[in-house]
């Protein structure tokens, strides 16, 4: 179960960044936590973003924050990195992850 408090936020994704993110993808892959309190997504370079999930189960697509992994404790950092790795793998399959190959 993962729930990130606001102090882990590095910066807020602006509406313009979100629009660019959505325009670059035909689909935006969103990963929700087991407790359904948080959702994650990445951009095409693997930068991880987080947004809370409301009690009704909805996600505000204009409310993403960049996750700063260095501010997390070791256990939470490992869990969040696993989520990031899963998102990268899914985006590679989808063809929406940048690689230098």
PDB file of N, CA and C in Angstrom:
ATOM      1  N   UNK A   1       0.839  -1.183   0.000  1.00  0.00           N
ATOM      2  CA  UNK A   1       0.000   0.000   0.000  1.00  0.00           C
ATOM      3  C   UNK A   1       0.880   1.240   0.000  1.00  0.00           C
ATOM      4  N   UNK A   2       0.575   2.142  -0.905  1.00  0.00           N
ATOM      5  CA  UNK A   2       1.389   3.334  -1.034  1.00  0.00           C
ATOM      6  C   UNK A   2       0.493   4.563  -1.019  1.00  0.00           C
ATOM      7  N   UNK A   3       0.884   5.507  -0.210  1.00  0.00           N
ATOM      8  CA  UNK A   3       0.204   6.786  -0.187  1.00  0.00           C
ATOM      9  C   UNK A   3       1.262   7.849   0.031  1.00  0.00           C
ATOM     10  N   UNK A   4       1.418   8.754  -0.902  1.00  0.00           N
ATOM     11  CA  UNK A   4       2.464   9.761  -0.811  1.00  0.00           C
ATOM     12  C   UNK A   4       1.929  11.068  -0.264  1.00  0.00           C
ATOM     13  N   UNK A   5       2.567  11.605   0.758  1.00  0.00           N
ATOM     14  CA  UNK A   5       2.185  12.926   1.245  1.00  0.00           C
ATOM     15  C   UNK A   5       2.755  14.005   0.320  1.00  0.00           C
ATOM     16  N   UNK A   6       2.200  15.196   0.391  1.00  0.00           N
ATOM     17  CA  UNK A   6       2.637  16.291  -0.460  1.00  0.00           C
ATOM     18  C   UNK A   6       4.119  16.640  -0.348  1.00  0.00           C
ATOM     19  N   UNK A   7       4.781  16.470   0.812  1.00  0.00           N
ATOM     20  CA  UNK A   7       6.197  16.834   0.871  1.00  0.00           C
ATOM     21  C   UNK A   7       7.074  16.075  -0.112  1.00  0.00           C
ATOM     22  N   UNK A   8       6.607  14.981  -0.676  1.00  0.00           N
ATOM     23  CA  UNK A   8       7.408  14.243  -1.644  1.00  0.00           C
ATOM     24  C   UNK A   8       7.323  14.874  -3.029  1.00  0.00           C
ATOM     25  N   UNK A   9       6.505  15.877  -3.186  1.00  0.00           N
ATOM     26  CA  UNK A   9       6.322  16.503  -4.498  1.00  0.00           C
ATOM     27  C   UNK A   9       7.542  17.336  -4.850  1.00  0.00           C
ATOM     28  N   UNK A  10       8.053  17.130  -6.038  1.00  0.00           N
ATOM     29  CA  UNK A  10       9.161  17.934  -6.524  1.00  0.00           C
ATOM     30  C   UNK A  10       8.633  19.157  -7.250  1.00  0.00           C
ATOM     31  N   UNK A  11       7.664  18.939  -8.119  1.00  0.00           N
ATOM     32  CA  UNK A  11       7.023  20.051  -8.797  1.00  0.00           C
ATOM     33  C   UNK A  11       5.664  19.587  -9.298  1.00  0.00           C
ATOM     34  N   UNK A  12       4.824  20.525  -9.591  1.00  0.00           N
ATOM     35  CA  UNK A  12       3.492  20.238 -10.096  1.00  0.00           C
ATOM     36  C   UNK A  12       3.548  20.220 -11.618  1.00  0.00           C
ATOM     37  N   UNK A  13       2.863  19.259 -12.234  1.00  0.00           N
ATOM     38  CA  UNK A  13       2.774  19.231 -13.694  1.00  0.00           C
ATOM     39  C   UNK A  13       1.767  20.288 -14.114  1.00  0.00           C
ATOM     40  N   UNK A  14       2.199  21.186 -14.966  1.00  0.00           N
ATOM     41  CA  UNK A  14       1.302  22.243 -15.425  1.00  0.00           C
ATOM     42  C   UNK A  14       0.303  21.683 -16.433  1.00  0.00           C
ATOM     43  N   UNK A  15      -0.742  22.439 -16.671  1.00  0.00           N
ATOM     44  CA  UNK A  15      -1.747  22.041 -17.665  1.00  0.00           C
ATOM     45  C   UNK A  15      -1.101  21.901 -19.037  1.00  0.00           C
ATOM     46  N   UNK A  16      -0.164  22.798 -19.344  1.00  0.00           N
ATOM     47  CA  UNK A  16       0.519  22.731 -20.642  1.00  0.00           C
ATOM     48  C   UNK A  16       1.330  21.440 -20.755  1.00  0.00           C
ATOM     49  N   UNK A  17       2.029  21.066 -19.664  1.00  0.00           N
ATOM     50  CA  UNK A  17       2.799  19.828 -19.678  1.00  0.00           C
ATOM     51  C   UNK A  17       1.885  18.630 -19.830  1.00  0.00           C
ATOM     52  N   UNK A  18       0.752  18.662 -19.154  1.00  0.00           N
ATOM     53  CA  UNK A  18      -0.204  17.566 -19.265  1.00  0.00           C
ATOM     54  C   UNK A  18      -0.741  17.467 -20.684  1.00  0.00           C
ATOM     55  N   UNK A  19      -1.078  18.601 -21.278  1.00  0.00           N
ATOM     56  CA  UNK A  19      -1.569  18.599 -22.656  1.00  0.00           C
ATOM     57  C   UNK A  19      -0.522  18.034 -23.605  1.00  0.00           C
ATOM     58  N   UNK A  20       0.739  18.420 -23.385  1.00  0.00           N
ATOM     59  CA  UNK A  20       1.822  17.896 -24.228  1.00  0.00           C
ATOM     60  C   UNK A  20       1.976  16.401 -24.005  1.00  0.00           C
ATOM     61  N   UNK A  21       1.900  15.967 -22.741  1.00  0.00           N
ATOM     62  CA  UNK A  21       1.997  14.548 -22.430  1.00  0.00           C
ATOM     63  C   UNK A  21       0.891  13.778 -23.132  1.00  0.00           C
ATOM     64  N   UNK A  22      -0.335  14.283 -23.053  1.00  0.00           N
ATOM     65  CA  UNK A  22      -1.463  13.600 -23.690  1.00  0.00           C
ATOM     66  C   UNK A  22      -1.370  13.638 -25.209  1.00  0.00           C
ATOM     67  N   UNK A  23      -0.840  14.743 -25.769  1.00  0.00           N
ATOM     68  CA  UNK A  23      -0.748  14.836 -27.225  1.00  0.00           C
ATOM     69  C   UNK A  23       0.329  13.910 -27.780  1.00  0.00           C
ATOM     70  N   UNK A  24       1.331  13.585 -26.965  1.00  0.00           N
ATOM     71  CA  UNK A  24       2.392  12.692 -27.404  1.00  0.00           C
ATOM     72  C   UNK A  24       1.957  11.229 -27.387  1.00  0.00           C
ATOM     73  N   UNK A  25       0.908  10.936 -26.684  1.00  0.00           N
ATOM     74  CA  UNK A  25       0.459   9.557 -26.528  1.00  0.00           C
ATOM     75  C   UNK A  25      -0.927   9.384 -27.125  1.00  0.00           C
ATOM     76  N   UNK A  26      -1.147   8.210 -27.708  1.00  0.00           N
ATOM     77  CA  UNK A  26      -2.521   7.899 -28.075  1.00  0.00           C
ATOM     78  C   UNK A  26      -3.251   7.413 -26.821  1.00  0.00           C
ATOM     79  N   UNK A  27      -2.494   6.949 -25.857  1.00  0.00           N
ATOM     80  CA  UNK A  27      -3.050   6.512 -24.582  1.00  0.00           C
ATOM     81  C   UNK A  27      -2.092   6.911 -23.471  1.00  0.00           C
ATOM     82  N   UNK A  28      -2.634   7.236 -22.316  1.00  0.00           N
ATOM     83  CA  UNK A  28      -1.817   7.524 -21.147  1.00  0.00           C
ATOM     84  C   UNK A  28      -2.017   6.365 -20.182  1.00  0.00           C
ATOM     85  N   UNK A  29      -0.944   5.667 -19.876  1.00  0.00           N
ATOM     86  CA  UNK A  29      -1.048   4.528 -18.966  1.00  0.00           C
ATOM     87  C   UNK A  29      -1.002   5.045 -17.533  1.00  0.00           C
ATOM     88  N   UNK A  30      -1.987   4.666 -16.750  1.00  0.00           N
ATOM     89  CA  UNK A  30      -2.092   5.079 -15.353  1.00  0.00           C
ATOM     90  C   UNK A  30      -2.109   3.830 -14.487  1.00  0.00           C
ATOM     91  N   UNK A  31      -1.245   3.798 -13.489  1.00  0.00           N
ATOM     92  CA  UNK A  31      -1.145   2.682 -12.553  1.00  0.00           C
ATOM     93  C   UNK A  31      -1.723   3.127 -11.214  1.00  0.00           C
ATOM     94  N   UNK A  32      -2.706   2.412 -10.706  1.00  0.00           N
ATOM     95  CA  UNK A  32      -3.269   2.753  -9.391  1.00  0.00           C
ATOM     96  C   UNK A  32      -2.736   1.788  -8.341  1.00  0.00           C
ATOM     97  N   UNK A  33      -2.597   2.283  -7.122  1.00  0.00           N
ATOM     98  CA  UNK A  33      -2.083   1.468  -6.032  1.00  0.00           C
ATOM     99  C   UNK A  33      -3.141   0.475  -5.559  1.00  0.00           C
ATOM    100  N   UNK A  34      -2.668  -0.542  -4.842  1.00  0.00           N
ATOM    101  CA  UNK A  34      -3.576  -1.576  -4.339  1.00  0.00           C
ATOM    102  C   UNK A  34      -4.662  -1.005  -3.436  1.00  0.00           C
ATOM    103  N   UNK A  35      -4.325   0.023  -2.665  1.00  0.00           N
ATOM    104  CA  UNK A  35      -5.320   0.622  -1.773  1.00  0.00           C
ATOM    105  C   UNK A  35      -6.181   1.662  -2.488  1.00  0.00           C
ATOM    106  N   UNK A  36      -5.912   1.867  -3.789  1.00  0.00           N
ATOM    107  CA  UNK A  36      -6.678   2.783  -4.636  1.00  0.00           C
ATOM    108  C   UNK A  36      -6.677   4.216  -4.107  1.00  0.00           C
ATOM    109  N   UNK A  37      -5.586   4.615  -3.434  1.00  0.00           N
ATOM    110  CA  UNK A  37      -5.490   5.985  -2.932  1.00  0.00           C
ATOM    111  C   UNK A  37      -4.565   6.844  -3.780  1.00  0.00           C
ATOM    112  N   UNK A  38      -3.822   6.222  -4.684  1.00  0.00           N
ATOM    113  CA  UNK A  38      -2.895   6.973  -5.506  1.00  0.00           C
ATOM    114  C   UNK A  38      -2.800   6.390  -6.901  1.00  0.00           C
ATOM    115  N   UNK A  39      -2.442   7.251  -7.841  1.00  0.00           N
ATOM    116  CA  UNK A  39      -2.262   6.827  -9.226  1.00  0.00           C
ATOM    117  C   UNK A  39      -0.942   7.395  -9.724  1.00  0.00           C
ATOM    118  N   UNK A  40      -0.304   6.641 -10.587  1.00  0.00           N
ATOM    119  CA  UNK A  40       0.993   7.025 -11.129  1.00  0.00           C
ATOM    120  C   UNK A  40       0.972   6.943 -12.639  1.00  0.00           C
ATOM    121  N   UNK A  41       1.803   7.771 -13.259  1.00  0.00           N
ATOM    122  CA  UNK A  41       2.028   7.697 -14.689  1.00  0.00           C
ATOM    123  C   UNK A  41       3.429   8.225 -14.942  1.00  0.00           C
ATOM    124  N   UNK A  42       3.958   7.983 -16.139  1.00  0.00           N
ATOM    125  CA  UNK A  42       5.277   8.500 -16.503  1.00  0.00           C
ATOM    126  C   UNK A  42       5.187   9.249 -17.826  1.00  0.00           C
ATOM    127  N   UNK A  43       6.184  10.093 -18.046  1.00  0.00           N
ATOM    128  CA  UNK A  43       6.293  10.715 -19.360  1.00  0.00           C
ATOM    129  C   UNK A  43       7.159   9.822 -20.239  1.00  0.00           C
ATOM    130  N   UNK A  44       7.476  10.277 -21.442  1.00  0.00           N
ATOM    131  CA  UNK A  44       8.206   9.421 -22.378  1.00  0.00           C
ATOM    132  C   UNK A  44       9.665   9.195 -22.000  1.00  0.00           C
ATOM    133  N   UNK A  45      10.156   9.880 -20.967  1.00  0.00           N
ATOM    134  CA  UNK A  45      11.516   9.669 -20.495  1.00  0.00           C
ATOM    135  C   UNK A  45      11.546   8.936 -19.151  1.00  0.00           C
ATOM    136  N   UNK A  46      10.390   8.531 -18.654  1.00  0.00           N
ATOM    137  CA  UNK A  46      10.326   7.763 -17.426  1.00  0.00           C
ATOM    138  C   UNK A  46      10.178   8.560 -16.149  1.00  0.00           C
ATOM    139  N   UNK A  47       9.993   9.887 -16.261  1.00  0.00           N
ATOM    140  CA  UNK A  47       9.756  10.696 -15.070  1.00  0.00           C
ATOM    141  C   UNK A  47       8.429  10.277 -14.464  1.00  0.00           C
ATOM    142  N   UNK A  48       8.442   9.987 -13.181  1.00  0.00           N
ATOM    143  CA  UNK A  48       7.263   9.460 -12.497  1.00  0.00           C
ATOM    144  C   UNK A  48       6.422  10.594 -11.918  1.00  0.00           C
ATOM    145  N   UNK A  49       5.101  10.514 -12.141  1.00  0.00           N
ATOM    146  CA  UNK A  49       4.150  11.482 -11.611  1.00  0.00           C
ATOM    147  C   UNK A  49       3.105  10.773 -10.764  1.00  0.00           C
ATOM    148  N   UNK A  50       2.599  11.487  -9.778  1.00  0.00           N
ATOM    149  CA  UNK A  50       1.617  10.947  -8.827  1.00  0.00           C
ATOM    150  C   UNK A  50       0.427  11.886  -8.749  1.00  0.00           C
ATOM    151  N   UNK A  51      -0.755  11.296  -8.559  1.00  0.00           N
ATOM    152  CA  UNK A  51      -1.960  12.070  -8.251  1.00  0.00           C
ATOM    153  C   UNK A  51      -2.820  11.241  -7.300  1.00  0.00           C
ATOM    154  N   UNK A  52      -3.476  11.887  -6.359  1.00  0.00           N
ATOM    155  CA  UNK A  52      -4.351  11.129  -5.461  1.00  0.00           C
ATOM    156  C   UNK A  52      -5.605  10.651  -6.184  1.00  0.00           C
ATOM    157  N   UNK A  53      -6.187   9.595  -5.661  1.00  0.00           N
ATOM    158  CA  UNK A  53      -7.462   9.093  -6.153  1.00  0.00           C
ATOM    159  C   UNK A  53      -8.510   9.501  -5.128  1.00  0.00           C
ATOM    160  N   UNK A  54      -9.599  10.103  -5.576  1.00  0.00           N
ATOM    161  CA  UNK A  54     -10.641  10.555  -4.650  1.00  0.00           C
ATOM    162  C   UNK A  54     -11.373   9.359  -4.040  1.00  0.00           C
ATOM    163  N   UNK A  55     -12.133   9.619  -3.004  1.00  0.00           N
ATOM    164  CA  UNK A  55     -12.903   8.549  -2.360  1.00  0.00           C
ATOM    165  C   UNK A  55     -13.886   7.901  -3.330  1.00  0.00           C
ATOM    166  N   UNK A  56     -14.326   8.661  -4.331  1.00  0.00           N
ATOM    167  CA  UNK A  56     -15.259   8.111  -5.319  1.00  0.00           C
ATOM    168  C   UNK A  56     -14.529   7.313  -6.403  1.00  0.00           C
ATOM    169  N   UNK A  57     -13.181   7.318  -6.350  1.00  0.00           N
ATOM    170  CA  UNK A  57     -12.400   6.548  -7.302  1.00  0.00           C
ATOM    171  C   UNK A  57     -11.999   7.302  -8.554  1.00  0.00           C
ATOM    172  N   UNK A  58     -12.228   8.618  -8.574  1.00  0.00           N
ATOM    173  CA  UNK A  58     -11.868   9.397  -9.751  1.00  0.00           C
ATOM    174  C   UNK A  58     -10.468   9.989  -9.613  1.00  0.00           C
ATOM    175  N   UNK A  59      -9.882  10.295 -10.764  1.00  0.00           N
ATOM    176  CA  UNK A  59      -8.553  10.882 -10.824  1.00  0.00           C
ATOM    177  C   UNK A  59      -8.659  12.210 -11.546  1.00  0.00           C
ATOM    178  N   UNK A  60      -8.064  13.244 -10.955  1.00  0.00           N
ATOM    179  CA  UNK A  60      -8.014  14.548 -11.635  1.00  0.00           C
ATOM    180  C   UNK A  60      -6.794  14.557 -12.528  1.00  0.00           C
ATOM    181  N   UNK A  61      -6.995  14.552 -13.813  1.00  0.00           N
ATOM    182  CA  UNK A  61      -5.891  14.482 -14.756  1.00  0.00           C
ATOM    183  C   UNK A  61      -5.073  15.766 -14.824  1.00  0.00           C
ATOM    184  N   UNK A  62      -5.544  16.830 -14.178  1.00  0.00           N
ATOM    185  CA  UNK A  62      -4.792  18.085 -14.176  1.00  0.00           C
ATOM    186  C   UNK A  62      -4.071  18.325 -12.852  1.00  0.00           C
ATOM    187  N   UNK A  63      -3.901  17.282 -12.044  1.00  0.00           N
ATOM    188  CA  UNK A  63      -3.355  17.444 -10.696  1.00  0.00           C
ATOM    189  C   UNK A  63      -2.174  16.504 -10.444  1.00  0.00           C
ATOM    190  N   UNK A  64      -1.268  16.347 -11.404  1.00  0.00           N
ATOM    191  CA  UNK A  64      -0.119  15.458 -11.262  1.00  0.00           C
ATOM    192  C   UNK A  64       1.064  16.199 -10.651  1.00  0.00           C
ATOM    193  N   UNK A  65       1.825  15.511  -9.801  1.00  0.00           N
ATOM    194  CA  UNK A  65       3.059  16.056  -9.252  1.00  0.00           C
ATOM    195  C   UNK A  65       4.194  15.087  -9.562  1.00  0.00           C
ATOM    196  N   UNK A  66       5.370  15.629  -9.812  1.00  0.00           N
ATOM    197  CA  UNK A  66       6.535  14.789 -10.054  1.00  0.00           C
ATOM    198  C   UNK A  66       6.996  14.201  -8.728  1.00  0.00           C
ATOM    199  N   UNK A  67       7.280  12.910  -8.724  1.00  0.00           N
ATOM    200  CA  UNK A  67       7.726  12.218  -7.519  1.00  0.00           C
ATOM    201  C   UNK A  67       9.232  12.379  -7.390  1.00  0.00           C
ATOM    202  N   UNK A  68       9.672  12.857  -6.227  1.00  0.00           N
ATOM    203  CA  UNK A  68      11.100  12.960  -5.935  1.00  0.00           C
ATOM    204  C   UNK A  68      11.478  11.754  -5.091  1.00  0.00           C
ATOM    205  N   UNK A  69      12.069  10.749  -5.728  1.00  0.00           N
ATOM    206  CA  UNK A  69      12.384   9.490  -5.056  1.00  0.00           C
ATOM    207  C   UNK A  69      13.383   9.663  -3.917  1.00  0.00           C
ATOM    208  N   UNK A  70      14.172  10.715  -3.952  1.00  0.00           N
ATOM    209  CA  UNK A  70      15.174  10.933  -2.907  1.00  0.00           C
ATOM    210  C   UNK A  70      14.562  11.376  -1.583  1.00  0.00           C
ATOM    211  N   UNK A  71      13.321  11.819  -1.606  1.00  0.00           N
ATOM    212  CA  UNK A  71      12.653  12.252  -0.378  1.00  0.00           C
ATOM    213  C   UNK A  71      11.904  11.122   0.325  1.00  0.00           C
ATOM    214  N   UNK A  72      11.849   9.941  -0.310  1.00  0.00           N
ATOM    215  CA  UNK A  72      11.103   8.821   0.256  1.00  0.00           C
ATOM    216  C   UNK A  72      11.998   7.962   1.128  1.00  0.00           C
ATOM    217  N   UNK A  73      11.392   7.327   2.145  1.00  0.00           N
ATOM    218  CA  UNK A  73      12.175   6.386   2.934  1.00  0.00           C
ATOM    219  C   UNK A  73      12.509   5.174   2.064  1.00  0.00           C
ATOM    220  N   UNK A  74      13.456   4.351   2.518  1.00  0.00           N
ATOM    221  CA  UNK A  74      13.975   3.263   1.685  1.00  0.00           C
ATOM    222  C   UNK A  74      12.893   2.280   1.239  1.00  0.00           C
ATOM    223  N   UNK A  75      11.997   1.894   2.144  1.00  0.00           N
ATOM    224  CA  UNK A  75      10.948   0.927   1.801  1.00  0.00           C
ATOM    225  C   UNK A  75       9.979   1.497   0.763  1.00  0.00           C
ATOM    226  N   UNK A  76       9.530   2.713   0.985  1.00  0.00           N
ATOM    227  CA  UNK A  76       8.603   3.349   0.055  1.00  0.00           C
ATOM    228  C   UNK A  76       9.293   3.626  -1.282  1.00  0.00           C
ATOM    229  N   UNK A  77      10.563   4.011  -1.226  1.00  0.00           N
ATOM    230  CA  UNK A  77      11.321   4.255  -2.444  1.00  0.00           C
ATOM    231  C   UNK A  77      11.361   3.002  -3.307  1.00  0.00           C
ATOM    232  N   UNK A  78      11.595   1.849  -2.682  1.00  0.00           N
ATOM    233  CA  UNK A  78      11.650   0.590  -3.425  1.00  0.00           C
ATOM    234  C   UNK A  78      10.299   0.278  -4.067  1.00  0.00           C
ATOM    235  N   UNK A  79       9.214   0.463  -3.327  1.00  0.00           N
ATOM    236  CA  UNK A  79       7.878   0.198  -3.861  1.00  0.00           C
ATOM    237  C   UNK A  79       7.554   1.132  -5.036  1.00  0.00           C
ATOM    238  N   UNK A  80       7.896   2.399  -4.896  1.00  0.00           N
ATOM    239  CA  UNK A  80       7.610   3.366  -5.947  1.00  0.00           C
ATOM    240  C   UNK A  80       8.478   3.092  -7.172  1.00  0.00           C
ATOM    241  N   UNK A  81       9.723   2.703  -6.968  1.00  0.00           N
ATOM    242  CA  UNK A  81      10.592   2.346  -8.103  1.00  0.00           C
ATOM    243  C   UNK A  81      10.047   1.124  -8.847  1.00  0.00           C
ATOM    244  N   UNK A  82       9.454   0.176  -8.114  1.00  0.00           N
ATOM    245  CA  UNK A  82       8.837  -0.985  -8.767  1.00  0.00           C
ATOM    246  C   UNK A  82       7.658  -0.538  -9.637  1.00  0.00           C
ATOM    247  N   UNK A  83       6.877   0.406  -9.158  1.00  0.00           N
ATOM    248  CA  UNK A  83       5.766   0.957  -9.944  1.00  0.00           C
ATOM    249  C   UNK A  83       6.317   1.653 -11.178  1.00  0.00           C
ATOM    250  N   UNK A  84       7.380   2.446 -11.002  1.00  0.00           N
ATOM    251  CA  UNK A  84       7.986   3.132 -12.135  1.00  0.00           C
ATOM    252  C   UNK A  84       8.497   2.122 -13.167  1.00  0.00           C
ATOM    253  N   UNK A  85       9.140   1.057 -12.709  1.00  0.00           N
ATOM    254  CA  UNK A  85       9.639   0.021 -13.622  1.00  0.00           C
ATOM    255  C   UNK A  85       8.498  -0.639 -14.393  1.00  0.00           C
ATOM    256  N   UNK A  86       7.383  -0.893 -13.705  1.00  0.00           N
ATOM    257  CA  UNK A  86       6.213  -1.489 -14.379  1.00  0.00           C
ATOM    258  C   UNK A  86       5.667  -0.543 -15.445  1.00  0.00           C
ATOM    259  N   UNK A  87       5.581   0.739 -15.110  1.00  0.00           N
ATOM    260  CA  UNK A  87       5.086   1.722 -16.075  1.00  0.00           C
ATOM    261  C   UNK A  87       6.022   1.846 -17.273  1.00  0.00           C
ATOM    262  N   UNK A  88       7.319   1.819 -17.028  1.00  0.00           N
ATOM    263  CA  UNK A  88       8.276   1.884 -18.133  1.00  0.00           C
ATOM    264  C   UNK A  88       8.097   0.681 -19.041  1.00  0.00           C
ATOM    265  N   UNK A  89       7.972  -0.518 -18.453  1.00  0.00           N
ATOM    266  CA  UNK A  89       7.778  -1.738 -19.255  1.00  0.00           C
ATOM    267  C   UNK A  89       6.497  -1.652 -20.076  1.00  0.00           C
ATOM    268  N   UNK A  90       5.409  -1.191 -19.469  1.00  0.00           N
ATOM    269  CA  UNK A  90       4.143  -1.066 -20.191  1.00  0.00           C
ATOM    270  C   UNK A  90       4.250  -0.047 -21.321  1.00  0.00           C
ATOM    271  N   UNK A  91       4.936   1.069 -21.064  1.00  0.00           N
ATOM    272  CA  UNK A  91       5.083   2.099 -22.087  1.00  0.00           C
ATOM    273  C   UNK A  91       6.008   1.650 -23.216  1.00  0.00           C
ATOM    274  N   UNK A  92       7.010   0.830 -22.907  1.00  0.00           N
ATOM    275  CA  UNK A  92       7.869   0.280 -23.959  1.00  0.00           C
ATOM    276  C   UNK A  92       7.054  -0.602 -24.891  1.00  0.00           C
ATOM    277  N   UNK A  93       6.209  -1.453 -24.319  1.00  0.00           N
ATOM    278  CA  UNK A  93       5.350  -2.314 -25.126  1.00  0.00           C
ATOM    279  C   UNK A  93       4.413  -1.473 -25.987  1.00  0.00           C
ATOM    280  N   UNK A  94       3.932  -0.380 -25.418  1.00  0.00           N
ATOM    281  CA  UNK A  94       3.012   0.522 -26.103  1.00  0.00           C
ATOM    282  C   UNK A  94       3.716   1.400 -27.137  1.00  0.00           C
ATOM    283  N   UNK A  95       5.046   1.416 -27.082  1.00  0.00           N
ATOM    284  CA  UNK A  95       5.811   2.251 -28.002  1.00  0.00           C
ATOM    285  C   UNK A  95       5.859   3.712 -27.627  1.00  0.00           C
ATOM    286  N   UNK A  96       5.599   4.016 -26.370  1.00  0.00           N
ATOM    287  CA  UNK A  96       5.553   5.414 -25.928  1.00  0.00           C
ATOM    288  C   UNK A  96       6.625   5.742 -24.890  1.00  0.00           C
ATOM    289  N   UNK A  97       7.710   4.969 -24.901  1.00  0.00           N
ATOM    290  CA  UNK A  97       8.817   5.238 -23.985  1.00  0.00           C
ATOM    291  C   UNK A  97      10.062   5.466 -24.810  1.00  0.00           C
ATOM    292  N   UNK A  98      10.728   6.583 -24.568  1.00  0.00           N
ATOM    293  CA  UNK A  98      11.917   6.956 -25.320  1.00  0.00           C
ATOM    294  C   UNK A  98      13.097   6.098 -24.887  1.00  0.00           C
ATOM    295  N   UNK A  99      13.799   5.519 -25.855  1.00  0.00           N
ATOM    296  CA  UNK A  99      15.042   4.806 -25.575  1.00  0.00           C
ATOM    297  C   UNK A  99      16.102   5.278 -26.564  1.00  0.00           C
ATOM    298  N   UNK A 100      17.332   5.198 -26.191  1.00  0.00           N
ATOM    299  CA  UNK A 100      18.441   5.662 -27.031  1.00  0.00           C
ATOM    300  C   UNK A 100      19.022   4.520 -27.853  1.00  0.00           C
ATOM    301  N   UNK A 101      18.273   3.486 -28.125  1.00  0.00           N
ATOM    302  CA  UNK A 101      18.807   2.345 -28.892  1.00  0.00           C
ATOM    303  C   UNK A 101      18.740   2.602 -30.369  1.00  0.00           C
TER     304      UNK A 101
END
